[in-house]
Amino acid sequence: MTRPPRVPPADWSPRASDGGQIDNVDADSLVARMLELRGITSGQREAFFHPDLDDLHDPLLMLGMEQAVARLMLAQRSGERIMAYGDYDVDGATSVALVQEFLENNGFDVIPYIPDRYSEGYGLSEEGVRSAEASGCGIIITLDCGIRAVDRVRDAKDRNIDVIICDHHLPGTAVPEAHTILNPKQRDCPYPFKELSGCGVAFKLIQALTDRIGLSPWSAYDSLDLVALSIASDLVDVTGENRILLHHGLKTVARNSRPGIRALLQIVHCTPDYLTVRDIISRISPRINAAGRMARATEAVDLLTARNEQKASELAANLDSLNNIRRSYDEQVTAAATQQLEERTEFKHINIVWGKDWHRGVIGIVATRLIEHRYRPSVVISDDNGVLVGSARSTPGLDIHALIRECKEHLIQYGGHAMAAGITVKPDAAEDFAKALDAAVGRELQSASKREPRHYDMEVSVSQCTPELLSRLRNFEPFGPGSPAPVFLARDVQLANTPRQVGKEGRHLRLSMVIGQGETLDSVGFGLGHRKEALAAAKTLDVVFRVETECYRGVLQPRITLLDFWAARH
């Protein structure tokens, strides 16, 4: 029976306008409804549940691919040296590892290069171009960067170095005069799927090279574990081609992952067979990123290309140590930033703080934490001997890059995208920049929602969350942007025991919901520890929860995440 839903006293709404409670139906019916909500027709179900590598697009559809392949094949025949130049995050490190490994295995002369985050900054750097010239490189392949490097590409050209740009970021108004640009988002590119990660674009390049060299397609597919790390870490849409690549990349990790990834999984106690996107984001990515934040990102590339198990274990342990140092800095700067935020009352629409010698490697993470503390776009600026370097993070619906552009008179430089940006503020201009950005965000909020709308897929009885259903829902993985985990609303829920605060400073909640005679469903509410008393006081609850899976001590089990709750109304 379906009945109109009661509207919850919170900003939740059904994903479909006809969303109501589904009573007394089996797992098949619930799964069918989930597919319908995701727009998956009966003819598309097989491709959805069993993505096929044969459905990947022909890489030669990408504008510039023929020219890029021809130039690289010429380099192979002549023994010309190539620099694989990448960004210092996970997407960049995996891209460099993928290209370096493939080219080396096929007779190319290649050297890796990732710029120093602090002395060179993001993108193709002057020092990087000089290093390519000094190393005798005739080609630079930029990976996960380069699409806006107009001056540096011209510099390379003046030094008789051809630049092949492999990027997935939006081009600017001026396009670099590179030998070739591979970017599905560039103007007039007919490539059907536009949301590849940077490593995804690199994969399409080696896919095309594989065909030209005459190798088996599996020569390219062996690197899908790297592509999977990039897709999960860079938060690109898990739809279309990305879903195929991620699905098979996770299978590659389970079947035959490289020594570096195995070493990382051992350190973070993840089982390769059941690795999820959430595991990558929360456990693997921070350690790979720690190399670029706390040392040199080339250490991450060394790990990802290591062929010796012992060497891989040593490198993974070092990245784990760097991540622990990063966490220490993170905690220190977060504490100082949060305290400063509480003392600042003049900015009504943004969180903005600055401090002396805050470690630049963590200010982006801290900006994200400030949004969790107080839901507003956040900017964290470090004063490093008078150089004001900042990192901004936004809330959905607000293009922080566009808003920062409105305040560029106070900046030396800026860059980024809608949800994240980096800035360098003019000396002594932090206060003026903060006022200008606060005003710009305030104007934007007059016509934009302050909080992202939140949706649940359907309303169910908690008793319907049987082991069979939870097992069936695992088939919807991998989850990510554009392909979210199932979210349910259940009403009149009773707790099996008193909820407990867990985690540091009791930030989280752990509770059990009654689903039947003697049966319970365990759940964790992240960041909901402060609502323990309200939860315990209610006789019955309406709850919104997300369903995923996790592996604990080698056993696969459902992960029920409590997202919100309120006292049931009768």
Protein backbone atom coordinates (compact mmCIF):
# COMPACT_ATOMS: atom_id res chain seq x y z
CA MET A 1 0.00 0.00 0.00
CA THR A 2 1.25 3.49 -0.83
CA ARG A 3 0.19 6.52 1.14
CA PRO A 4 1.15 10.20 0.87
CA PRO A 5 4.24 10.92 2.98
CA ARG A 6 4.14 13.07 6.08
CA VAL A 7 6.44 16.01 5.56
CA PRO A 8 9.39 15.70 7.98
CA PRO A 9 10.24 18.71 10.18
CA ALA A 10 13.58 19.05 8.40
CA ASP A 11 14.86 19.86 4.91
CA TRP A 12 14.30 16.35 3.53
CA SER A 13 12.06 15.51 0.60
CA PRO A 14 11.43 12.38 -1.51
CA ARG A 15 13.60 12.09 -4.59
CA ALA A 16 10.48 11.54 -6.70
CA SER A 17 7.28 13.55 -6.39
CA ASP A 18 5.21 10.41 -5.84
CA GLY A 19 7.51 9.17 -3.06
CA GLY A 20 5.46 7.44 -0.40
CA GLN A 21 5.79 4.50 1.92
CA ILE A 22 6.14 1.07 0.34
CA ASP A 23 4.63 -1.53 2.66
CA ASN A 24 4.80 -5.29 2.58
CA VAL A 25 6.81 -5.68 -0.61
CA ASP A 26 9.72 -7.98 -1.24
CA ALA A 27 13.33 -7.10 -1.99
CA ASP A 28 12.74 -7.45 -5.75
CA SER A 29 10.10 -4.70 -5.69
CA LEU A 30 12.27 -2.38 -3.65
CA VAL A 31 15.23 -2.92 -5.95
CA ALA A 32 13.01 -2.28 -8.98
CA ARG A 33 11.83 0.98 -7.43
CA MET A 34 15.44 2.02 -6.72
CA LEU A 35 16.34 1.42 -10.36
CA GLU A 36 13.33 3.42 -11.49
CA LEU A 37 14.36 6.35 -9.28
CA ARG A 38 17.80 6.29 -10.89
CA GLY A 39 16.32 6.31 -14.38
CA ILE A 40 17.52 2.77 -15.16
CA THR A 41 15.11 1.06 -17.56
CA SER A 42 14.65 -2.69 -17.80
CA GLY A 43 16.83 -2.72 -20.92
CA GLN A 44 19.66 -0.95 -19.07
CA ARG A 45 19.76 -3.11 -15.95
CA GLU A 46 22.34 -5.60 -17.20
CA ALA A 47 24.74 -2.79 -18.18
CA PHE A 48 24.14 -1.07 -14.84
CA PHE A 49 24.77 -4.09 -12.64
CA HIS A 50 27.51 -5.55 -14.87
CA PRO A 51 29.39 -2.69 -16.58
CA ASP A 52 31.29 -3.91 -19.64
CA LEU A 53 34.68 -2.63 -20.76
CA ASP A 54 33.50 -3.10 -24.34
CA ASP A 55 31.16 -0.15 -23.75
CA LEU A 56 34.05 2.27 -23.30
CA HIS A 57 34.24 4.93 -26.02
CA ASP A 58 36.86 4.83 -28.75
CA PRO A 59 39.72 7.07 -27.49
CA LEU A 60 40.24 8.36 -31.03
CA LEU A 61 36.95 10.23 -30.69
CA MET A 62 38.75 12.69 -28.43
CA LEU A 63 39.90 15.83 -30.23
CA GLY A 64 43.68 15.76 -30.70
CA MET A 65 44.17 12.07 -29.93
CA GLU A 66 45.48 11.14 -33.38
CA GLN A 67 48.07 13.93 -33.22
CA ALA A 68 49.13 13.02 -29.68
CA VAL A 69 49.60 9.35 -30.55
CA ALA A 70 51.54 10.18 -33.73
CA ARG A 71 53.88 12.52 -31.83
CA LEU A 72 54.56 9.96 -29.10
CA MET A 73 55.18 7.15 -31.59
CA LEU A 74 57.73 9.40 -33.31
CA ALA A 75 59.38 9.93 -29.92
CA GLN A 76 59.53 6.18 -29.37
CA ARG A 77 61.22 5.55 -32.72
CA SER A 78 63.77 8.32 -32.23
CA GLY A 79 64.48 7.64 -28.55
CA GLU A 80 63.31 11.12 -27.60
CA ARG A 81 62.91 11.74 -23.87
CA ILE A 82 59.47 12.55 -22.47
CA MET A 83 58.56 14.22 -19.18
CA ALA A 84 55.35 13.03 -17.48
CA TYR A 85 54.39 16.17 -15.53
CA GLY A 86 51.51 15.89 -13.06
CA ASP A 87 49.63 17.65 -10.28
CA TYR A 88 50.52 16.88 -6.66
CA ASP A 89 47.18 15.36 -5.62
CA VAL A 90 45.90 11.78 -6.03
CA ASP A 91 44.59 12.41 -9.54
CA GLY A 92 47.93 13.84 -10.62
CA ALA A 93 50.05 11.18 -8.90
CA THR A 94 48.03 8.31 -10.38
CA SER A 95 48.19 9.95 -13.83
CA VAL A 96 51.97 10.23 -13.70
CA ALA A 97 52.32 6.66 -12.41
CA LEU A 98 50.05 5.33 -15.16
CA VAL A 99 51.81 7.14 -18.02
CA GLN A 100 55.32 6.53 -16.68
CA GLU A 101 54.70 2.83 -16.19
CA PHE A 102 53.09 2.26 -19.59
CA LEU A 103 55.69 4.23 -21.54
CA GLU A 104 58.63 2.59 -19.77
CA ASN A 105 57.15 -0.87 -20.40
CA ASN A 106 56.91 -0.11 -24.11
CA GLY A 107 60.31 1.26 -24.94
CA PHE A 108 59.80 4.98 -24.34
CA ASP A 109 62.33 7.14 -22.52
CA VAL A 110 60.29 8.86 -19.80
CA ILE A 111 60.97 10.73 -16.56
CA PRO A 112 58.33 11.71 -13.97
CA TYR A 113 57.96 15.21 -12.54
CA ILE A 114 55.58 16.68 -9.97
CA PRO A 115 56.12 20.29 -8.86
CA ASP A 116 56.78 21.29 -5.28
CA ARG A 117 53.49 22.47 -3.83
CA TYR A 118 55.08 25.42 -2.03
CA SER A 119 57.96 26.65 -4.19
CA GLU A 120 56.37 26.00 -7.61
CA GLY A 121 52.63 25.94 -6.98
CA TYR A 122 49.90 24.35 -9.05
CA GLY A 123 50.24 23.57 -12.75
CA LEU A 124 53.06 23.69 -15.24
CA SER A 125 55.83 25.68 -13.56
CA GLU A 126 58.79 27.65 -14.85
CA GLU A 127 61.12 25.36 -12.90
CA GLY A 128 59.43 22.30 -14.41
CA VAL A 129 59.97 23.59 -17.96
CA ARG A 130 63.62 24.38 -17.19
CA SER A 131 64.05 20.89 -15.71
CA ALA A 132 62.60 19.33 -18.87
CA GLU A 133 65.08 21.28 -21.00
CA ALA A 134 68.00 20.37 -18.73
CA SER A 135 66.98 16.70 -18.87
CA GLY A 136 66.93 16.72 -22.67
CA CYS A 137 63.16 16.23 -22.99
CA GLY A 138 61.56 16.93 -26.35
CA ILE A 139 58.04 16.43 -25.00
CA ILE A 140 56.20 17.36 -21.81
CA ILE A 141 52.91 15.55 -21.15
CA THR A 142 50.97 17.55 -18.58
CA LEU A 143 48.65 15.37 -16.53
CA ASP A 144 45.67 16.71 -14.55
CA CYS A 145 46.90 20.24 -15.28
CA GLY A 146 48.06 22.51 -18.11
CA ILE A 147 44.84 23.68 -19.73
CA ARG A 148 45.41 27.24 -18.44
CA ALA A 149 49.22 27.28 -18.61
CA VAL A 150 49.37 29.72 -21.54
CA ASP A 151 52.67 31.39 -20.59
CA ARG A 152 54.47 28.22 -19.52
CA VAL A 153 53.48 26.35 -22.68
CA ARG A 154 54.81 29.27 -24.72
CA ASP A 155 58.02 29.11 -22.68
CA ALA A 156 58.36 25.38 -23.44
CA LYS A 157 57.73 26.00 -27.12
CA ASP A 158 60.49 28.64 -27.15
CA ARG A 159 62.81 25.94 -25.78
CA ASN A 160 61.82 23.55 -28.61
CA ILE A 161 59.76 21.34 -26.30
CA ASP A 162 56.38 20.09 -27.51
CA VAL A 163 53.63 20.05 -24.87
CA ILE A 164 50.81 17.51 -24.92
CA ILE A 165 48.16 18.62 -22.46
CA CYS A 166 46.08 15.89 -20.76
CA ASP A 167 43.61 17.68 -18.53
CA HIS A 168 39.98 17.57 -17.47
CA HIS A 169 39.52 21.05 -16.01
CA LEU A 170 37.53 23.74 -17.76
CA PRO A 171 39.60 25.75 -20.26
CA GLY A 172 39.93 29.50 -19.80
CA THR A 173 39.26 32.15 -22.40
CA ALA A 174 42.83 31.80 -23.68
CA VAL A 175 43.95 28.32 -24.73
CA PRO A 176 47.65 27.31 -24.58
CA GLU A 177 49.38 26.93 -27.96
CA ALA A 178 50.34 23.34 -27.19
CA HIS A 179 51.29 20.69 -29.70
CA THR A 180 48.11 18.83 -28.71
CA ILE A 181 45.36 19.25 -26.14
CA LEU A 182 43.46 16.21 -24.84
CA ASN A 183 40.53 17.45 -22.80
CA PRO A 184 36.93 16.35 -23.41
CA LYS A 185 35.77 19.75 -22.11
CA GLN A 186 37.63 21.73 -24.73
CA ARG A 187 35.63 23.47 -27.41
CA ASP A 188 34.56 21.33 -30.38
CA CYS A 189 35.69 18.07 -28.76
CA PRO A 190 33.22 15.37 -29.88
CA TYR A 191 34.16 12.90 -27.15
CA PRO A 192 30.80 11.67 -25.74
CA PHE A 193 31.71 11.60 -22.03
CA LYS A 194 32.90 14.89 -20.53
CA GLU A 195 33.46 13.99 -16.86
CA LEU A 196 36.64 11.91 -16.97
CA SER A 197 39.16 12.40 -14.18
CA GLY A 198 42.64 13.60 -15.08
CA CYS A 199 43.87 10.02 -14.83
CA GLY A 200 40.89 8.99 -16.96
CA VAL A 201 42.13 11.25 -19.77
CA ALA A 202 45.61 9.74 -19.38
CA PHE A 203 44.06 6.28 -19.59
CA LYS A 204 42.38 7.15 -22.89
CA LEU A 205 45.81 8.21 -24.22
CA ILE A 206 47.47 4.91 -23.33
CA GLN A 207 44.40 3.06 -24.61
CA ALA A 208 44.98 4.71 -27.99
CA LEU A 209 48.71 3.97 -27.80
CA THR A 210 47.99 0.33 -26.97
CA ASP A 211 45.99 -0.03 -30.14
CA ARG A 212 48.65 1.74 -32.24
CA ILE A 213 51.48 -0.37 -30.82
CA GLY A 214 49.45 -3.53 -31.45
CA LEU A 215 49.12 -4.69 -27.85
CA SER A 216 46.20 -6.47 -26.20
CA PRO A 217 43.63 -4.09 -24.65
CA TRP A 218 44.54 -5.60 -21.28
CA SER A 219 47.85 -3.79 -21.49
CA ALA A 220 45.83 -0.65 -20.76
CA TYR A 221 43.28 -2.31 -18.49
CA ASP A 222 46.01 -3.44 -16.08
CA SER A 223 46.24 0.19 -14.91
CA LEU A 224 42.56 0.50 -14.00
CA ASP A 225 43.42 0.27 -10.31
CA LEU A 226 45.10 3.68 -10.66
CA VAL A 227 42.12 5.07 -12.58
CA ALA A 228 39.78 3.87 -9.82
CA LEU A 229 41.81 5.72 -7.17
CA SER A 230 41.63 8.90 -9.22
CA ILE A 231 37.88 8.72 -9.88
CA ALA A 232 37.07 8.14 -6.23
CA SER A 233 39.53 10.72 -4.90
CA ASP A 234 38.73 13.52 -7.35
CA LEU A 235 34.97 13.20 -6.72
CA VAL A 236 34.05 13.15 -10.41
CA ASP A 237 30.63 11.80 -11.39
CA VAL A 238 30.30 8.04 -11.00
CA THR A 239 28.19 7.79 -14.13
CA GLY A 240 28.71 6.70 -17.72
CA GLU A 241 32.30 5.81 -18.57
CA ASN A 242 33.53 6.63 -15.06
CA ARG A 243 31.24 3.98 -13.58
CA ILE A 244 32.65 1.36 -15.95
CA LEU A 245 36.23 2.35 -15.17
CA LEU A 246 35.64 2.49 -11.41
CA HIS A 247 33.78 -0.83 -11.35
CA HIS A 248 36.57 -2.66 -13.15
CA GLY A 249 39.28 -0.71 -11.36
CA LEU A 250 38.01 -1.97 -8.02
CA LYS A 251 37.96 -5.49 -9.47
CA THR A 252 41.57 -5.02 -10.54
CA VAL A 253 42.47 -4.06 -6.97
CA ALA A 254 40.75 -7.21 -5.72
CA ARG A 255 42.22 -9.48 -8.38
CA ASN A 256 45.77 -8.27 -8.84
CA SER A 257 46.53 -4.86 -7.38
CA ARG A 258 50.02 -3.43 -7.65
CA PRO A 259 52.45 -3.77 -4.69
CA GLY A 260 52.06 -0.12 -3.66
CA ILE A 261 48.29 -0.31 -3.36
CA ARG A 262 48.49 -3.64 -1.52
CA ALA A 263 50.96 -2.09 0.94
CA LEU A 264 48.63 0.84 1.59
CA LEU A 265 45.66 -1.47 2.08
CA GLN A 266 47.60 -3.46 4.66
CA ILE A 267 48.47 -0.32 6.60
CA VAL A 268 44.87 0.91 6.72
CA HIS A 269 43.44 -2.61 7.32
CA CYS A 270 41.30 -2.68 4.18
CA THR A 271 40.42 -5.93 2.43
CA PRO A 272 41.11 -5.64 -1.34
CA ASP A 273 38.08 -7.79 -2.20
CA TYR A 274 35.68 -5.29 -0.63
CA LEU A 275 37.34 -1.92 -1.20
CA THR A 276 34.76 0.87 -1.53
CA VAL A 277 34.87 4.46 -2.72
CA ARG A 278 34.44 5.53 0.90
CA ASP A 279 37.53 3.51 1.88
CA ILE A 280 39.56 5.20 -0.84
CA ILE A 281 38.43 8.68 0.15
CA SER A 282 38.87 8.26 3.90
CA ARG A 283 41.88 5.93 4.11
CA ILE A 284 43.88 5.73 0.89
CA SER A 285 43.64 9.26 -0.53
CA PRO A 286 44.85 11.11 2.59
CA ARG A 287 48.05 9.05 2.60
CA ILE A 288 48.77 9.60 -1.08
CA ASN A 289 47.98 13.31 -0.71
CA ALA A 290 50.23 13.51 2.36
CA ALA A 291 53.27 13.19 0.09
CA GLY A 292 52.42 16.43 -1.71
CA ARG A 293 51.26 18.19 1.44
CA MET A 294 54.18 17.33 3.72
CA ALA A 295 57.06 16.35 1.36
CA ARG A 296 57.24 15.72 -2.40
CA ALA A 297 54.41 14.07 -4.33
CA THR A 298 56.95 12.06 -6.32
CA GLU A 299 57.09 9.79 -3.25
CA ALA A 300 53.51 8.79 -4.02
CA VAL A 301 54.45 8.07 -7.64
CA ASP A 302 57.38 5.94 -6.43
CA LEU A 303 54.96 3.93 -4.29
CA LEU A 304 52.41 3.46 -7.09
CA THR A 305 55.08 2.29 -9.55
CA ALA A 306 57.06 0.14 -7.08
CA ARG A 307 57.54 -3.45 -8.24
CA ASN A 308 59.23 -4.79 -5.12
CA GLU A 309 56.98 -5.74 -2.19
CA GLN A 310 59.51 -4.72 0.46
CA LYS A 311 60.18 -1.36 -1.17
CA ALA A 312 56.45 -0.76 -1.49
CA SER A 313 55.94 -1.53 2.21
CA GLU A 314 58.68 0.94 3.16
CA LEU A 315 57.24 3.68 0.97
CA ALA A 316 53.68 3.06 2.25
CA ALA A 317 54.89 3.23 5.85
CA ASN A 318 56.58 6.55 5.10
CA LEU A 319 53.38 7.98 3.59
CA ASP A 320 51.49 6.79 6.66
CA SER A 321 53.97 8.65 8.87
CA LEU A 322 53.60 11.79 6.73
CA ASN A 323 49.83 11.49 7.06
CA ASN A 324 50.13 11.31 10.85
CA ILE A 325 52.20 14.49 10.79
CA ARG A 326 49.58 16.05 8.51
CA ARG A 327 46.85 15.10 10.98
CA SER A 328 48.76 16.74 13.80
CA TYR A 329 49.05 20.00 11.84
CA ASP A 330 45.42 19.62 10.81
CA GLU A 331 44.28 19.41 14.44
CA GLN A 332 46.37 22.40 15.49
CA VAL A 333 45.22 24.66 12.69
CA THR A 334 41.58 23.52 13.00
CA ALA A 335 41.56 24.35 16.71
CA ALA A 336 43.06 27.81 16.12
CA ALA A 337 40.77 28.49 13.14
CA THR A 338 37.63 27.41 15.00
CA GLN A 339 38.49 29.60 17.97
CA GLN A 340 39.13 32.58 15.72
CA LEU A 341 35.87 31.91 13.90
CA GLU A 342 33.92 32.11 17.16
CA GLU A 343 35.49 35.49 17.88
CA ARG A 344 34.69 36.93 14.46
CA THR A 345 31.16 38.27 14.16
CA GLU A 346 31.60 40.85 11.40
CA PHE A 347 31.31 38.37 8.52
CA LYS A 348 27.74 37.17 8.14
CA HIS A 349 27.92 34.97 5.06
CA ILE A 350 31.34 33.28 5.05
CA ASN A 351 33.78 31.62 7.40
CA ILE A 352 37.14 33.32 6.90
CA VAL A 353 40.18 33.12 9.14
CA TRP A 354 43.90 33.69 8.83
CA GLY A 355 46.91 32.90 10.94
CA LYS A 356 50.67 33.17 11.06
CA ASP A 357 52.60 30.22 9.61
CA TRP A 358 49.63 27.84 9.39
CA HIS A 359 50.85 24.87 7.38
CA ARG A 360 49.77 25.33 3.78
CA GLY A 361 49.37 21.59 3.33
CA VAL A 362 46.32 21.46 5.59
CA ILE A 363 44.49 24.75 5.03
CA GLY A 364 42.19 23.19 2.41
CA ILE A 365 41.25 20.41 4.81
CA VAL A 366 40.64 22.95 7.57
CA ALA A 367 38.41 25.00 5.26
CA THR A 368 36.26 21.89 4.76
CA ARG A 369 36.11 21.35 8.53
CA LEU A 370 34.91 24.93 9.04
CA ILE A 371 31.95 24.22 6.76
CA GLU A 372 31.12 21.24 8.99
CA HIS A 373 31.41 23.55 12.01
CA ARG A 374 29.25 26.31 10.54
CA TYR A 375 27.57 25.77 7.20
CA ARG A 376 29.01 28.56 5.08
CA PRO A 377 31.63 28.88 2.33
CA SER A 378 34.99 28.88 4.08
CA VAL A 379 38.40 30.42 3.44
CA VAL A 380 41.55 29.69 5.43
CA ILE A 381 44.62 31.90 4.83
CA SER A 382 48.16 31.28 6.02
CA ASP A 383 50.53 34.22 6.51
CA ASP A 384 53.90 32.76 5.57
CA ASN A 385 56.45 35.56 6.05
CA GLY A 386 54.08 38.09 4.54
CA VAL A 387 52.91 35.82 1.71
CA LEU A 388 49.17 35.27 2.20
CA VAL A 389 48.19 31.96 0.66
CA GLY A 390 44.63 30.73 1.10
CA SER A 391 42.34 27.85 0.29
CA ALA A 392 38.58 28.16 -0.19
CA ARG A 393 35.82 25.56 -0.06
CA SER A 394 32.21 26.19 -0.99
CA THR A 395 28.74 24.88 -0.27
CA PRO A 396 26.60 23.46 -3.11
CA GLY A 397 24.91 26.13 -5.17
CA LEU A 398 27.64 28.75 -4.67
CA ASP A 399 30.41 29.01 -7.26
CA ILE A 400 33.30 30.08 -5.02
CA HIS A 401 35.66 30.56 -7.97
CA ALA A 402 33.28 33.02 -9.64
CA LEU A 403 32.71 34.87 -6.36
CA ILE A 404 36.45 35.13 -5.71
CA ARG A 405 36.90 36.50 -9.23
CA GLU A 406 34.64 39.41 -8.22
CA CYS A 407 37.20 40.25 -5.51
CA LYS A 408 40.34 39.84 -7.62
CA GLU A 409 41.50 43.43 -7.00
CA HIS A 410 42.68 42.21 -3.59
CA LEU A 411 44.49 39.17 -4.98
CA ILE A 412 47.80 38.41 -6.64
CA GLN A 413 46.44 35.24 -8.20
CA TYR A 414 43.62 32.74 -7.88
CA GLY A 415 42.37 29.55 -9.49
CA GLY A 416 40.09 26.59 -8.97
CA HIS A 417 36.51 25.64 -9.70
CA ALA A 418 33.00 26.02 -8.29
CA MET A 419 33.58 24.07 -5.09
CA ALA A 420 37.24 24.80 -4.31
CA ALA A 421 39.79 27.47 -5.05
CA GLY A 422 43.28 28.60 -4.15
CA ILE A 423 44.26 32.25 -3.69
CA THR A 424 47.26 34.46 -2.99
CA VAL A 425 46.18 37.67 -1.28
CA LYS A 426 48.01 40.97 -1.68
CA PRO A 427 50.05 42.00 1.38
CA ASP A 428 47.90 43.59 4.09
CA ALA A 429 44.74 43.02 2.00
CA ALA A 430 43.23 40.07 3.90
CA GLU A 431 40.66 42.22 5.73
CA ASP A 432 39.57 44.01 2.55
CA PHE A 433 39.36 40.72 0.66
CA ALA A 434 37.26 39.19 3.45
CA LYS A 435 34.80 42.09 3.40
CA ALA A 436 34.51 41.98 -0.38
CA LEU A 437 33.96 38.22 -0.49
CA ASP A 438 31.44 38.33 2.36
CA ALA A 439 29.46 40.94 0.44
CA ALA A 440 29.66 38.96 -2.80
CA VAL A 441 28.44 35.77 -1.11
CA GLY A 442 25.66 37.73 0.62
CA ARG A 443 24.41 39.06 -2.71
CA GLU A 444 24.51 35.58 -4.23
CA LEU A 445 22.59 34.10 -1.31
CA GLN A 446 19.67 36.41 -1.99
CA SER A 447 18.89 34.27 -5.02
CA ALA A 448 20.42 30.94 -3.97
CA SER A 449 19.57 28.33 -1.38
CA LYS A 450 21.81 28.40 1.71
CA ARG A 451 21.70 24.63 2.03
CA GLU A 452 21.72 21.86 -0.53
CA PRO A 453 18.31 20.16 -0.81
CA ARG A 454 18.38 16.72 0.79
CA HIS A 455 16.45 13.79 -0.63
CA TYR A 456 15.59 10.27 0.41
CA ASP A 457 14.80 7.62 -2.16
CA MET A 458 11.72 6.18 -0.53
CA GLU A 459 9.93 5.62 2.73
CA VAL A 460 10.13 2.08 4.08
CA SER A 461 9.38 0.22 7.25
CA VAL A 462 12.60 -0.46 9.12
CA SER A 463 11.50 -4.12 9.34
CA GLN A 464 12.00 -4.33 5.57
CA CYS A 465 15.77 -3.86 5.98
CA THR A 466 16.39 -7.59 5.88
CA PRO A 467 19.78 -9.19 5.19
CA GLU A 468 18.49 -10.11 1.73
CA LEU A 469 17.61 -6.50 0.86
CA LEU A 470 20.84 -5.11 2.27
CA SER A 471 22.79 -7.66 0.26
CA ARG A 472 20.88 -6.78 -2.92
CA LEU A 473 21.57 -3.08 -2.47
CA ARG A 474 25.30 -3.77 -2.63
CA ASN A 475 24.82 -4.39 -6.35
CA PHE A 476 24.20 -0.65 -6.76
CA GLU A 477 27.82 0.09 -5.84
CA PRO A 478 30.15 1.79 -6.57
CA PHE A 479 28.65 4.93 -5.09
CA GLY A 480 29.78 8.50 -5.58
CA PRO A 481 28.66 11.83 -7.08
CA GLY A 482 25.81 11.19 -9.50
CA SER A 483 25.36 7.68 -8.11
CA PRO A 484 24.53 8.06 -4.41
CA ALA A 485 24.01 5.27 -1.93
CA PRO A 486 20.34 4.44 -1.20
CA VAL A 487 18.74 6.73 1.38
CA PHE A 488 15.58 5.68 3.22
CA LEU A 489 13.09 7.32 5.54
CA ALA A 490 11.65 5.03 8.23
CA ARG A 491 8.94 6.14 10.66
CA ASP A 492 7.96 5.13 14.19
CA VAL A 493 11.32 3.52 14.89
CA GLN A 494 12.13 2.25 18.37
CA LEU A 495 15.64 2.09 19.79
CA ALA A 496 16.91 -1.18 21.19
CA ASN A 497 19.10 0.56 23.76
CA THR A 498 20.40 3.92 24.89
CA PRO A 499 22.47 5.58 22.17
CA ARG A 500 26.18 6.05 22.88
CA GLN A 501 28.51 8.88 21.99
CA VAL A 502 31.66 7.61 20.30
CA GLY A 503 34.74 9.05 18.62
CA LYS A 504 36.90 11.95 19.64
CA GLU A 505 35.05 14.23 22.08
CA GLY A 506 31.92 12.15 21.54
CA ARG A 507 31.27 13.67 18.12
CA HIS A 508 29.41 10.64 16.76
CA LEU A 509 26.48 8.47 17.81
CA ARG A 510 26.12 4.71 17.80
CA LEU A 511 22.65 3.18 18.19
CA SER A 512 20.57 0.09 17.43
CA MET A 513 17.08 0.21 15.90
CA VAL A 514 14.50 -2.51 16.52
CA ILE A 515 13.53 -4.20 13.24
CA GLY A 516 11.71 -7.29 14.52
CA GLN A 517 11.36 -9.78 17.32
CA GLY A 518 14.81 -9.84 18.87
CA GLU A 519 16.41 -8.32 15.76
CA THR A 520 18.20 -4.98 15.58
CA LEU A 521 19.91 -2.83 12.99
CA ASP A 522 23.07 -1.05 14.13
CA SER A 523 23.75 2.47 12.91
CA VAL A 524 26.29 5.26 13.29
CA GLY A 525 25.43 8.94 13.09
CA PHE A 526 28.57 10.89 12.18
CA GLY A 527 28.70 14.36 13.69
CA LEU A 528 25.42 13.81 15.58
CA GLY A 529 26.90 13.31 19.05
CA HIS A 530 25.56 16.66 20.25
CA ARG A 531 21.99 15.40 19.66
CA LYS A 532 22.25 12.40 21.96
CA GLU A 533 19.79 13.71 24.55
CA ALA A 534 17.15 14.49 21.93
CA LEU A 535 17.57 11.02 20.48
CA ALA A 536 17.31 9.29 23.86
CA ALA A 537 14.29 11.35 24.97
CA ALA A 538 12.01 10.37 22.07
CA LYS A 539 9.81 7.31 22.51
CA THR A 540 9.71 6.65 18.78
CA LEU A 541 11.61 8.29 15.95
CA ASP A 542 11.43 9.05 12.29
CA VAL A 543 14.90 8.45 10.88
CA VAL A 544 16.72 9.03 7.60
CA PHE A 545 19.60 6.66 6.92
CA ARG A 546 21.97 5.67 4.14
CA VAL A 547 22.75 2.06 3.23
CA GLU A 548 26.24 1.02 2.13
CA THR A 549 28.54 -1.92 2.81
CA GLU A 550 31.80 -2.22 4.68
CA CYS A 551 34.29 -4.93 5.45
CA TYR A 552 35.13 -5.41 9.12
CA ARG A 553 37.84 -7.95 9.98
CA GLY A 554 37.34 -9.68 6.66
CA VAL A 555 33.55 -9.93 6.98
CA LEU A 556 31.31 -8.01 4.58
CA GLN A 557 28.38 -6.37 6.34
CA PRO A 558 25.91 -3.52 5.79
CA ARG A 559 26.87 -0.06 6.96
CA ILE A 560 23.85 1.92 8.11
CA THR A 561 24.61 5.63 8.48
CA LEU A 562 22.10 7.75 10.37
CA LEU A 563 21.73 11.07 8.56
CA ASP A 564 18.94 12.75 10.52
CA PHE A 565 16.10 12.04 12.95
CA TRP A 566 13.22 13.70 14.75
CA ALA A 567 10.57 12.66 17.25
CA ALA A 568 7.77 10.74 15.54
CA ARG A 569 4.44 12.51 15.22
CA HIS A 570 1.26 10.51 15.54
